[in-house]
Amino acid sequence: LTPILVLPQLFAGFALGFLRIRFGLRWSVFLHCIY
């Protein structure tokens, strides 16, 4: 069930990567902390 069980973190990983590239590392850290 791994593909299903890690879906939230996989989605978050894409969102964090998006912010990291578009705005910088501190923004992915902010989102990760808030999450």
PDB file of all heavy atoms in Angstrom:
ATOM      1  N   LEU A   1       0.812  -1.227   0.000  1.00  0.00           N
ATOM      2  CA  LEU A   1       0.000   0.000   0.000  1.00  0.00           C
ATOM      3  C   LEU A   1       0.844   1.276   0.000  1.00  0.00           C
ATOM      4  O   LEU A   1       0.288   2.378   0.049  1.00  0.00           O
ATOM      5  CB  LEU A   1      -0.940   0.005   1.202  1.00  0.00           C
ATOM      6  CG  LEU A   1      -2.021  -1.062   1.210  1.00  0.00           C
ATOM      7  CD1 LEU A   1      -2.755  -1.071   2.538  1.00  0.00           C
ATOM      8  CD2 LEU A   1      -2.984  -0.850   0.049  1.00  0.00           C
ATOM      9  N   THR A   2       2.151   1.139  -0.075  1.00  0.00           N
ATOM     10  CA  THR A   2       3.046   2.292  -0.011  1.00  0.00           C
ATOM     11  C   THR A   2       2.634   3.434  -0.931  1.00  0.00           C
ATOM     12  O   THR A   2       2.584   4.584  -0.484  1.00  0.00           O
ATOM     13  CB  THR A   2       4.505   1.869  -0.277  1.00  0.00           C
ATOM     14  OG1 THR A   2       4.937   1.020   0.780  1.00  0.00           O
ATOM     15  CG2 THR A   2       5.433   3.073  -0.376  1.00  0.00           C
ATOM     16  N   PRO A   3       2.327   3.188  -2.213  1.00  0.00           N
ATOM     17  CA  PRO A   3       1.958   4.323  -3.067  1.00  0.00           C
ATOM     18  C   PRO A   3       0.761   5.129  -2.531  1.00  0.00           C
ATOM     19  O   PRO A   3       0.717   6.343  -2.699  1.00  0.00           O
ATOM     20  CB  PRO A   3       1.603   3.659  -4.410  1.00  0.00           C
ATOM     21  CG  PRO A   3       2.335   2.366  -4.389  1.00  0.00           C
ATOM     22  CD  PRO A   3       2.347   1.919  -2.958  1.00  0.00           C
ATOM     23  N   ILE A   4      -0.161   4.459  -1.881  1.00  0.00           N
ATOM     24  CA  ILE A   4      -1.323   5.151  -1.318  1.00  0.00           C
ATOM     25  C   ILE A   4      -0.950   5.833   0.003  1.00  0.00           C
ATOM     26  O   ILE A   4      -1.313   6.990   0.243  1.00  0.00           O
ATOM     27  CB  ILE A   4      -2.493   4.169  -1.099  1.00  0.00           C
ATOM     28  CG1 ILE A   4      -2.977   3.632  -2.440  1.00  0.00           C
ATOM     29  CG2 ILE A   4      -3.635   4.826  -0.325  1.00  0.00           C
ATOM     30  CD1 ILE A   4      -3.918   2.455  -2.336  1.00  0.00           C
ATOM     31  N   LEU A   5      -0.209   5.124   0.849  1.00  0.00           N
ATOM     32  CA  LEU A   5       0.089   5.622   2.187  1.00  0.00           C
ATOM     33  C   LEU A   5       0.994   6.854   2.194  1.00  0.00           C
ATOM     34  O   LEU A   5       0.956   7.638   3.139  1.00  0.00           O
ATOM     35  CB  LEU A   5       0.709   4.511   3.034  1.00  0.00           C
ATOM     36  CG  LEU A   5      -0.195   3.296   3.282  1.00  0.00           C
ATOM     37  CD1 LEU A   5       0.556   2.222   4.050  1.00  0.00           C
ATOM     38  CD2 LEU A   5      -1.462   3.708   4.015  1.00  0.00           C
ATOM     39  N   VAL A   6       1.790   7.025   1.164  1.00  0.00           N
ATOM     40  CA  VAL A   6       2.673   8.194   1.115  1.00  0.00           C
ATOM     41  C   VAL A   6       2.143   9.298   0.191  1.00  0.00           C
ATOM     42  O   VAL A   6       2.844  10.286  -0.053  1.00  0.00           O
ATOM     43  CB  VAL A   6       4.123   7.810   0.728  1.00  0.00           C
ATOM     44  CG1 VAL A   6       4.718   6.842   1.744  1.00  0.00           C
ATOM     45  CG2 VAL A   6       4.207   7.263  -0.680  1.00  0.00           C
ATOM     46  N   LEU A   7       0.921   9.157  -0.280  1.00  0.00           N
ATOM     47  CA  LEU A   7       0.355  10.187  -1.157  1.00  0.00           C
ATOM     48  C   LEU A   7       0.393  11.595  -0.550  1.00  0.00           C
ATOM     49  O   LEU A   7       0.743  12.549  -1.259  1.00  0.00           O
ATOM     50  CB  LEU A   7      -1.082   9.833  -1.560  1.00  0.00           C
ATOM     51  CG  LEU A   7      -1.237   8.906  -2.758  1.00  0.00           C
ATOM     52  CD1 LEU A   7      -2.701   8.546  -2.963  1.00  0.00           C
ATOM     53  CD2 LEU A   7      -0.663   9.541  -4.013  1.00  0.00           C
ATOM     54  N   PRO A   8       0.039  11.776   0.729  1.00  0.00           N
ATOM     55  CA  PRO A   8       0.104  13.141   1.269  1.00  0.00           C
ATOM     56  C   PRO A   8       1.517  13.730   1.218  1.00  0.00           C
ATOM     57  O   PRO A   8       1.695  14.888   0.849  1.00  0.00           O
ATOM     58  CB  PRO A   8      -0.357  12.978   2.724  1.00  0.00           C
ATOM     59  CG  PRO A   8      -1.141  11.719   2.745  1.00  0.00           C
ATOM     60  CD  PRO A   8      -0.510  10.833   1.703  1.00  0.00           C
ATOM     61  N   GLN A   9       2.510  12.922   1.547  1.00  0.00           N
ATOM     62  CA  GLN A   9       3.890  13.411   1.532  1.00  0.00           C
ATOM     63  C   GLN A   9       4.407  13.587   0.103  1.00  0.00           C
ATOM     64  O   GLN A   9       5.200  14.486  -0.166  1.00  0.00           O
ATOM     65  CB  GLN A   9       4.809  12.460   2.317  1.00  0.00           C
ATOM     66  CG  GLN A   9       4.528  12.454   3.796  1.00  0.00           C
ATOM     67  CD  GLN A   9       3.403  11.504   4.204  1.00  0.00           C
ATOM     68  OE1 GLN A   9       2.845  10.783   3.382  1.00  0.00           O
ATOM     69  NE2 GLN A   9       3.072  11.507   5.479  1.00  0.00           N
ATOM     70  N   LEU A  10       3.953  12.748  -0.799  1.00  0.00           N
ATOM     71  CA  LEU A  10       4.344  12.894  -2.198  1.00  0.00           C
ATOM     72  C   LEU A  10       3.801  14.207  -2.759  1.00  0.00           C
ATOM     73  O   LEU A  10       4.530  14.988  -3.379  1.00  0.00           O
ATOM     74  CB  LEU A  10       3.831  11.703  -3.016  1.00  0.00           C
ATOM     75  CG  LEU A  10       4.251  11.645  -4.469  1.00  0.00           C
ATOM     76  CD1 LEU A  10       5.759  11.552  -4.590  1.00  0.00           C
ATOM     77  CD2 LEU A  10       3.601  10.449  -5.149  1.00  0.00           C
ATOM     78  N   PHE A  11       2.515  14.464  -2.512  1.00  0.00           N
ATOM     79  CA  PHE A  11       1.912  15.716  -2.966  1.00  0.00           C
ATOM     80  C   PHE A  11       2.629  16.906  -2.331  1.00  0.00           C
ATOM     81  O   PHE A  11       2.973  17.877  -3.009  1.00  0.00           O
ATOM     82  CB  PHE A  11       0.415  15.748  -2.627  1.00  0.00           C
ATOM     83  CG  PHE A  11      -0.300  16.935  -3.195  1.00  0.00           C
ATOM     84  CD1 PHE A  11      -0.831  16.893  -4.472  1.00  0.00           C
ATOM     85  CD2 PHE A  11      -0.432  18.102  -2.459  1.00  0.00           C
ATOM     86  CE1 PHE A  11      -1.483  17.997  -5.008  1.00  0.00           C
ATOM     87  CE2 PHE A  11      -1.081  19.204  -2.970  1.00  0.00           C
ATOM     88  CZ  PHE A  11      -1.618  19.154  -4.254  1.00  0.00           C
ATOM     89  N   ALA A  12       2.869  16.808  -1.018  1.00  0.00           N
ATOM     90  CA  ALA A  12       3.570  17.888  -0.318  1.00  0.00           C
ATOM     91  C   ALA A  12       4.977  18.067  -0.889  1.00  0.00           C
ATOM     92  O   ALA A  12       5.447  19.196  -1.045  1.00  0.00           O
ATOM     93  CB  ALA A  12       3.639  17.602   1.177  1.00  0.00           C
ATOM     94  N   GLY A  13       5.643  16.972  -1.228  1.00  0.00           N
ATOM     95  CA  GLY A  13       6.981  17.060  -1.810  1.00  0.00           C
ATOM     96  C   GLY A  13       6.997  17.842  -3.109  1.00  0.00           C
ATOM     97  O   GLY A  13       7.908  18.643  -3.351  1.00  0.00           O
ATOM     98  N   PHE A  14       5.991  17.650  -3.932  1.00  0.00           N
ATOM     99  CA  PHE A  14       5.890  18.418  -5.177  1.00  0.00           C
ATOM    100  C   PHE A  14       5.600  19.890  -4.882  1.00  0.00           C
ATOM    101  O   PHE A  14       6.187  20.788  -5.496  1.00  0.00           O
ATOM    102  CB  PHE A  14       4.825  17.834  -6.100  1.00  0.00           C
ATOM    103  CG  PHE A  14       5.233  16.539  -6.742  1.00  0.00           C
ATOM    104  CD1 PHE A  14       4.426  15.420  -6.663  1.00  0.00           C
ATOM    105  CD2 PHE A  14       6.430  16.416  -7.429  1.00  0.00           C
ATOM    106  CE1 PHE A  14       4.792  14.219  -7.252  1.00  0.00           C
ATOM    107  CE2 PHE A  14       6.820  15.228  -8.029  1.00  0.00           C
ATOM    108  CZ  PHE A  14       5.993  14.122  -7.938  1.00  0.00           C
ATOM    109  N   ALA A  15       4.716  20.149  -3.922  1.00  0.00           N
ATOM    110  CA  ALA A  15       4.384  21.531  -3.552  1.00  0.00           C
ATOM    111  C   ALA A  15       5.608  22.232  -2.953  1.00  0.00           C
ATOM    112  O   ALA A  15       5.898  23.394  -3.289  1.00  0.00           O
ATOM    113  CB  ALA A  15       3.222  21.543  -2.563  1.00  0.00           C
ATOM    114  N   LEU A  16       6.326  21.532  -2.093  1.00  0.00           N
ATOM    115  CA  LEU A  16       7.524  22.102  -1.474  1.00  0.00           C
ATOM    116  C   LEU A  16       8.612  22.372  -2.518  1.00  0.00           C
ATOM    117  O   LEU A  16       9.280  23.412  -2.485  1.00  0.00           O
ATOM    118  CB  LEU A  16       8.035  21.171  -0.379  1.00  0.00           C
ATOM    119  CG  LEU A  16       7.123  21.023   0.837  1.00  0.00           C
ATOM    120  CD1 LEU A  16       7.518  19.802   1.663  1.00  0.00           C
ATOM    121  CD2 LEU A  16       7.117  22.276   1.669  1.00  0.00           C
ATOM    122  N   GLY A  17       8.771  21.444  -3.452  1.00  0.00           N
ATOM    123  CA  GLY A  17       9.747  21.633  -4.526  1.00  0.00           C
ATOM    124  C   GLY A  17       9.392  22.809  -5.408  1.00  0.00           C
ATOM    125  O   GLY A  17      10.264  23.601  -5.799  1.00  0.00           O
ATOM    126  N   PHE A  18       8.119  22.953  -5.713  1.00  0.00           N
ATOM    127  CA  PHE A  18       7.622  24.082  -6.515  1.00  0.00           C
ATOM    128  C   PHE A  18       7.991  25.405  -5.837  1.00  0.00           C
ATOM    129  O   PHE A  18       8.558  26.302  -6.460  1.00  0.00           O
ATOM    130  CB  PHE A  18       6.108  23.947  -6.696  1.00  0.00           C
ATOM    131  CG  PHE A  18       5.446  25.140  -7.315  1.00  0.00           C
ATOM    132  CD1 PHE A  18       5.534  25.381  -8.672  1.00  0.00           C
ATOM    133  CD2 PHE A  18       4.700  26.016  -6.534  1.00  0.00           C
ATOM    134  CE1 PHE A  18       4.905  26.477  -9.248  1.00  0.00           C
ATOM    135  CE2 PHE A  18       4.054  27.104  -7.093  1.00  0.00           C
ATOM    136  CZ  PHE A  18       4.165  27.340  -8.450  1.00  0.00           C
ATOM    137  N   LEU A  19       7.663  25.522  -4.546  1.00  0.00           N
ATOM    138  CA  LEU A  19       7.973  26.759  -3.820  1.00  0.00           C
ATOM    139  C   LEU A  19       9.473  26.981  -3.701  1.00  0.00           C
ATOM    140  O   LEU A  19       9.945  28.118  -3.811  1.00  0.00           O
ATOM    141  CB  LEU A  19       7.365  26.733  -2.415  1.00  0.00           C
ATOM    142  CG  LEU A  19       5.946  27.228  -2.270  1.00  0.00           C
ATOM    143  CD1 LEU A  19       5.551  27.302  -0.814  1.00  0.00           C
ATOM    144  CD2 LEU A  19       5.715  28.560  -2.936  1.00  0.00           C
ATOM    145  N   ARG A  20      10.218  25.918  -3.477  1.00  0.00           N
ATOM    146  CA  ARG A  20      11.660  26.034  -3.328  1.00  0.00           C
ATOM    147  C   ARG A  20      12.284  26.633  -4.591  1.00  0.00           C
ATOM    148  O   ARG A  20      13.115  27.526  -4.527  1.00  0.00           O
ATOM    149  CB  ARG A  20      12.260  24.648  -3.033  1.00  0.00           C
ATOM    150  CG  ARG A  20      13.726  24.670  -2.591  1.00  0.00           C
ATOM    151  CD  ARG A  20      14.680  24.725  -3.753  1.00  0.00           C
ATOM    152  NE  ARG A  20      16.056  24.666  -3.351  1.00  0.00           N
ATOM    153  CZ  ARG A  20      16.843  25.729  -3.197  1.00  0.00           C
ATOM    154  NH1 ARG A  20      16.386  26.939  -3.372  1.00  0.00           N
ATOM    155  NH2 ARG A  20      18.109  25.585  -2.874  1.00  0.00           N
ATOM    156  N   ILE A  21      11.865  26.146  -5.730  1.00  0.00           N
ATOM    157  CA  ILE A  21      12.443  26.626  -6.981  1.00  0.00           C
ATOM    158  C   ILE A  21      11.937  28.028  -7.321  1.00  0.00           C
ATOM    159  O   ILE A  21      12.704  28.897  -7.681  1.00  0.00           O
ATOM    160  CB  ILE A  21      12.138  25.649  -8.144  1.00  0.00           C
ATOM    161  CG1 ILE A  21      12.762  24.275  -7.853  1.00  0.00           C
ATOM    162  CG2 ILE A  21      12.609  26.209  -9.475  1.00  0.00           C
ATOM    163  CD1 ILE A  21      14.247  24.310  -7.554  1.00  0.00           C
ATOM    164  N   ARG A  22      10.653  28.238  -7.192  1.00  0.00           N
ATOM    165  CA  ARG A  22      10.061  29.513  -7.597  1.00  0.00           C
ATOM    166  C   ARG A  22      10.429  30.676  -6.672  1.00  0.00           C
ATOM    167  O   ARG A  22      10.624  31.790  -7.125  1.00  0.00           O
ATOM    168  CB  ARG A  22       8.539  29.391  -7.679  1.00  0.00           C
ATOM    169  CG  ARG A  22       8.046  28.290  -8.632  1.00  0.00           C
ATOM    170  CD  ARG A  22       8.352  28.555 -10.076  1.00  0.00           C
ATOM    171  NE  ARG A  22       7.464  29.614 -10.536  1.00  0.00           N
ATOM    172  CZ  ARG A  22       7.701  30.374 -11.588  1.00  0.00           C
ATOM    173  NH1 ARG A  22       8.781  30.205 -12.298  1.00  0.00           N
ATOM    174  NH2 ARG A  22       6.858  31.308 -11.941  1.00  0.00           N
ATOM    175  N   PHE A  23      10.530  30.405  -5.340  1.00  0.00           N
ATOM    176  CA  PHE A  23      10.732  31.493  -4.373  1.00  0.00           C
ATOM    177  C   PHE A  23      11.990  31.359  -3.529  1.00  0.00           C
ATOM    178  O   PHE A  23      12.394  32.308  -2.877  1.00  0.00           O
ATOM    179  CB  PHE A  23       9.539  31.590  -3.422  1.00  0.00           C
ATOM    180  CG  PHE A  23       8.227  31.929  -4.075  1.00  0.00           C
ATOM    181  CD1 PHE A  23       7.051  31.638  -3.422  1.00  0.00           C
ATOM    182  CD2 PHE A  23       8.143  32.533  -5.314  1.00  0.00           C
ATOM    183  CE1 PHE A  23       5.826  31.944  -3.992  1.00  0.00           C
ATOM    184  CE2 PHE A  23       6.927  32.837  -5.901  1.00  0.00           C
ATOM    185  CZ  PHE A  23       5.766  32.540  -5.237  1.00  0.00           C
ATOM    186  N   GLY A  24      12.569  30.182  -3.449  1.00  0.00           N
ATOM    187  CA  GLY A  24      13.753  29.983  -2.624  1.00  0.00           C
ATOM    188  C   GLY A  24      13.501  29.002  -1.486  1.00  0.00           C
ATOM    189  O   GLY A  24      12.356  28.692  -1.153  1.00  0.00           O
ATOM    190  N   LEU A  25      14.584  28.536  -0.891  1.00  0.00           N
ATOM    191  CA  LEU A  25      14.517  27.491   0.132  1.00  0.00           C
ATOM    192  C   LEU A  25      13.704  27.910   1.352  1.00  0.00           C
ATOM    193  O   LEU A  25      12.962  27.109   1.914  1.00  0.00           O
ATOM    194  CB  LEU A  25      15.934  27.072   0.552  1.00  0.00           C
ATOM    195  CG  LEU A  25      16.030  25.910   1.528  1.00  0.00           C
ATOM    196  CD1 LEU A  25      15.442  24.636   0.931  1.00  0.00           C
ATOM    197  CD2 LEU A  25      17.485  25.690   1.941  1.00  0.00           C
ATOM    198  N   ARG A  26      13.834  29.156   1.788  1.00  0.00           N
ATOM    199  CA  ARG A  26      13.114  29.561   3.007  1.00  0.00           C
ATOM    200  C   ARG A  26      11.601  29.416   2.843  1.00  0.00           C
ATOM    201  O   ARG A  26      10.903  29.148   3.811  1.00  0.00           O
ATOM    202  CB  ARG A  26      13.498  30.964   3.433  1.00  0.00           C
ATOM    203  CG  ARG A  26      12.778  32.062   2.684  1.00  0.00           C
ATOM    204  CD  ARG A  26      13.231  33.399   3.119  1.00  0.00           C
ATOM    205  NE  ARG A  26      14.237  33.798   2.159  1.00  0.00           N
ATOM    206  CZ  ARG A  26      14.730  35.003   2.062  1.00  0.00           C
ATOM    207  NH1 ARG A  26      14.378  35.916   2.904  1.00  0.00           N
ATOM    208  NH2 ARG A  26      15.588  35.302   1.136  1.00  0.00           N
ATOM    209  N   TRP A  27      11.104  29.557   1.617  1.00  0.00           N
ATOM    210  CA  TRP A  27       9.657  29.448   1.395  1.00  0.00           C
ATOM    211  C   TRP A  27       9.190  27.999   1.493  1.00  0.00           C
ATOM    212  O   TRP A  27       8.098  27.729   1.985  1.00  0.00           O
ATOM    213  CB  TRP A  27       9.267  30.082   0.058  1.00  0.00           C
ATOM    214  CG  TRP A  27       9.424  31.567   0.144  1.00  0.00           C
ATOM    215  CD1 TRP A  27      10.531  32.297  -0.183  1.00  0.00           C
ATOM    216  CD2 TRP A  27       8.469  32.485   0.657  1.00  0.00           C
ATOM    217  NE1 TRP A  27      10.303  33.615   0.082  1.00  0.00           N
ATOM    218  CE2 TRP A  27       9.045  33.767   0.588  1.00  0.00           C
ATOM    219  CE3 TRP A  27       7.170  32.361   1.147  1.00  0.00           C
ATOM    220  CZ2 TRP A  27       8.372  34.917   1.003  1.00  0.00           C
ATOM    221  CZ3 TRP A  27       6.501  33.503   1.555  1.00  0.00           C
ATOM    222  CH2 TRP A  27       7.097  34.761   1.492  1.00  0.00           C
ATOM    223  N   SER A  28      10.013  27.063   1.034  1.00  0.00           N
ATOM    224  CA  SER A  28       9.638  25.651   1.204  1.00  0.00           C
ATOM    225  C   SER A  28       9.732  25.269   2.682  1.00  0.00           C
ATOM    226  O   SER A  28       8.919  24.482   3.170  1.00  0.00           O
ATOM    227  CB  SER A  28      10.483  24.732   0.325  1.00  0.00           C
ATOM    228  OG  SER A  28      11.837  24.738   0.698  1.00  0.00           O
ATOM    229  N   VAL A  29      10.692  25.840   3.397  1.00  0.00           N
ATOM    230  CA  VAL A  29      10.785  25.592   4.838  1.00  0.00           C
ATOM    231  C   VAL A  29       9.533  26.140   5.526  1.00  0.00           C
ATOM    232  O   VAL A  29       8.940  25.472   6.374  1.00  0.00           O
ATOM    233  CB  VAL A  29      12.071  26.211   5.445  1.00  0.00           C
ATOM    234  CG1 VAL A  29      12.047  26.126   6.967  1.00  0.00           C
ATOM    235  CG2 VAL A  29      13.314  25.531   4.895  1.00  0.00           C
ATOM    236  N   PHE A  30       9.118  27.366   5.175  1.00  0.00           N
ATOM    237  CA  PHE A  30       7.903  27.956   5.764  1.00  0.00           C
ATOM    238  C   PHE A  30       6.697  27.051   5.532  1.00  0.00           C
ATOM    239  O   PHE A  30       5.940  26.760   6.459  1.00  0.00           O
ATOM    240  CB  PHE A  30       7.594  29.332   5.173  1.00  0.00           C
ATOM    241  CG  PHE A  30       8.549  30.423   5.548  1.00  0.00           C
ATOM    242  CD1 PHE A  30       8.691  31.532   4.726  1.00  0.00           C
ATOM    243  CD2 PHE A  30       9.310  30.369   6.708  1.00  0.00           C
ATOM    244  CE1 PHE A  30       9.568  32.562   5.051  1.00  0.00           C
ATOM    245  CE2 PHE A  30      10.201  31.390   7.044  1.00  0.00           C
ATOM    246  CZ  PHE A  30      10.323  32.490   6.211  1.00  0.00           C
ATOM    247  N   LEU A  31       6.507  26.628   4.289  1.00  0.00           N
ATOM    248  CA  LEU A  31       5.354  25.780   3.980  1.00  0.00           C
ATOM    249  C   LEU A  31       5.430  24.470   4.744  1.00  0.00           C
ATOM    250  O   LEU A  31       4.434  24.012   5.305  1.00  0.00           O
ATOM    251  CB  LEU A  31       5.247  25.508   2.474  1.00  0.00           C
ATOM    252  CG  LEU A  31       4.104  24.575   2.054  1.00  0.00           C
ATOM    253  CD1 LEU A  31       2.748  25.101   2.508  1.00  0.00           C
ATOM    254  CD2 LEU A  31       4.122  24.350   0.548  1.00  0.00           C
ATOM    255  N   HIS A  32       6.588  23.872   4.799  1.00  0.00           N
ATOM    256  CA  HIS A  32       6.748  22.593   5.490  1.00  0.00           C
ATOM    257  C   HIS A  32       6.428  22.762   6.983  1.00  0.00           C
ATOM    258  O   HIS A  32       5.743  21.923   7.579  1.00  0.00           O
ATOM    259  CB  HIS A  32       8.170  22.068   5.287  1.00  0.00           C
ATOM    260  CG  HIS A  32       8.330  20.614   5.520  1.00  0.00           C
ATOM    261  ND1 HIS A  32       9.271  19.869   4.879  1.00  0.00           N
ATOM    262  CD2 HIS A  32       7.691  19.745   6.338  1.00  0.00           C
ATOM    263  CE1 HIS A  32       9.204  18.608   5.282  1.00  0.00           C
ATOM    264  NE2 HIS A  32       8.243  18.515   6.190  1.00  0.00           N
ATOM    265  N   CYS A  33       6.911  23.840   7.585  1.00  0.00           N
ATOM    266  CA  CYS A  33       6.621  24.109   9.002  1.00  0.00           C
ATOM    267  C   CYS A  33       5.124  24.303   9.224  1.00  0.00           C
ATOM    268  O   CYS A  33       4.550  23.721  10.156  1.00  0.00           O
ATOM    269  CB  CYS A  33       7.383  25.334   9.484  1.00  0.00           C
ATOM    270  SG  CYS A  33       9.168  25.100   9.640  1.00  0.00           S
ATOM    271  N   ILE A  34       4.508  25.107   8.390  1.00  0.00           N
ATOM    272  CA  ILE A  34       3.062  25.363   8.521  1.00  0.00           C
ATOM    273  C   ILE A  34       2.284  24.060   8.377  1.00  0.00           C
ATOM    274  O   ILE A  34       1.378  23.769   9.158  1.00  0.00           O
ATOM    275  CB  ILE A  34       2.598  26.405   7.476  1.00  0.00           C
ATOM    276  CG1 ILE A  34       3.206  27.770   7.787  1.00  0.00           C
ATOM    277  CG2 ILE A  34       1.076  26.501   7.420  1.00  0.00           C
ATOM    278  CD1 ILE A  34       3.099  28.762   6.638  1.00  0.00           C
ATOM    279  N   TYR A  35       2.636  23.272   7.385  1.00  0.00           N
ATOM    280  CA  TYR A  35       1.983  21.990   7.117  1.00  0.00           C
ATOM    281  C   TYR A  35       2.096  21.076   8.344  1.00  0.00           C
ATOM    282  O   TYR A  35       1.106  20.544   8.831  1.00  0.00           O
ATOM    283  CB  TYR A  35       2.644  21.356   5.889  1.00  0.00           C
ATOM    284  CG  TYR A  35       2.104  20.016   5.451  1.00  0.00           C
ATOM    285  CD1 TYR A  35       1.156  19.941   4.445  1.00  0.00           C
ATOM    286  CD2 TYR A  35       2.579  18.823   5.994  1.00  0.00           C
ATOM    287  CE1 TYR A  35       0.675  18.711   4.006  1.00  0.00           C
ATOM    288  CE2 TYR A  35       2.103  17.596   5.573  1.00  0.00           C
ATOM    289  CZ  TYR A  35       1.147  17.550   4.570  1.00  0.00           C
ATOM    290  OH  TYR A  35       0.673  16.327   4.148  1.00  0.00           O
TER     291      TYR A  35
END
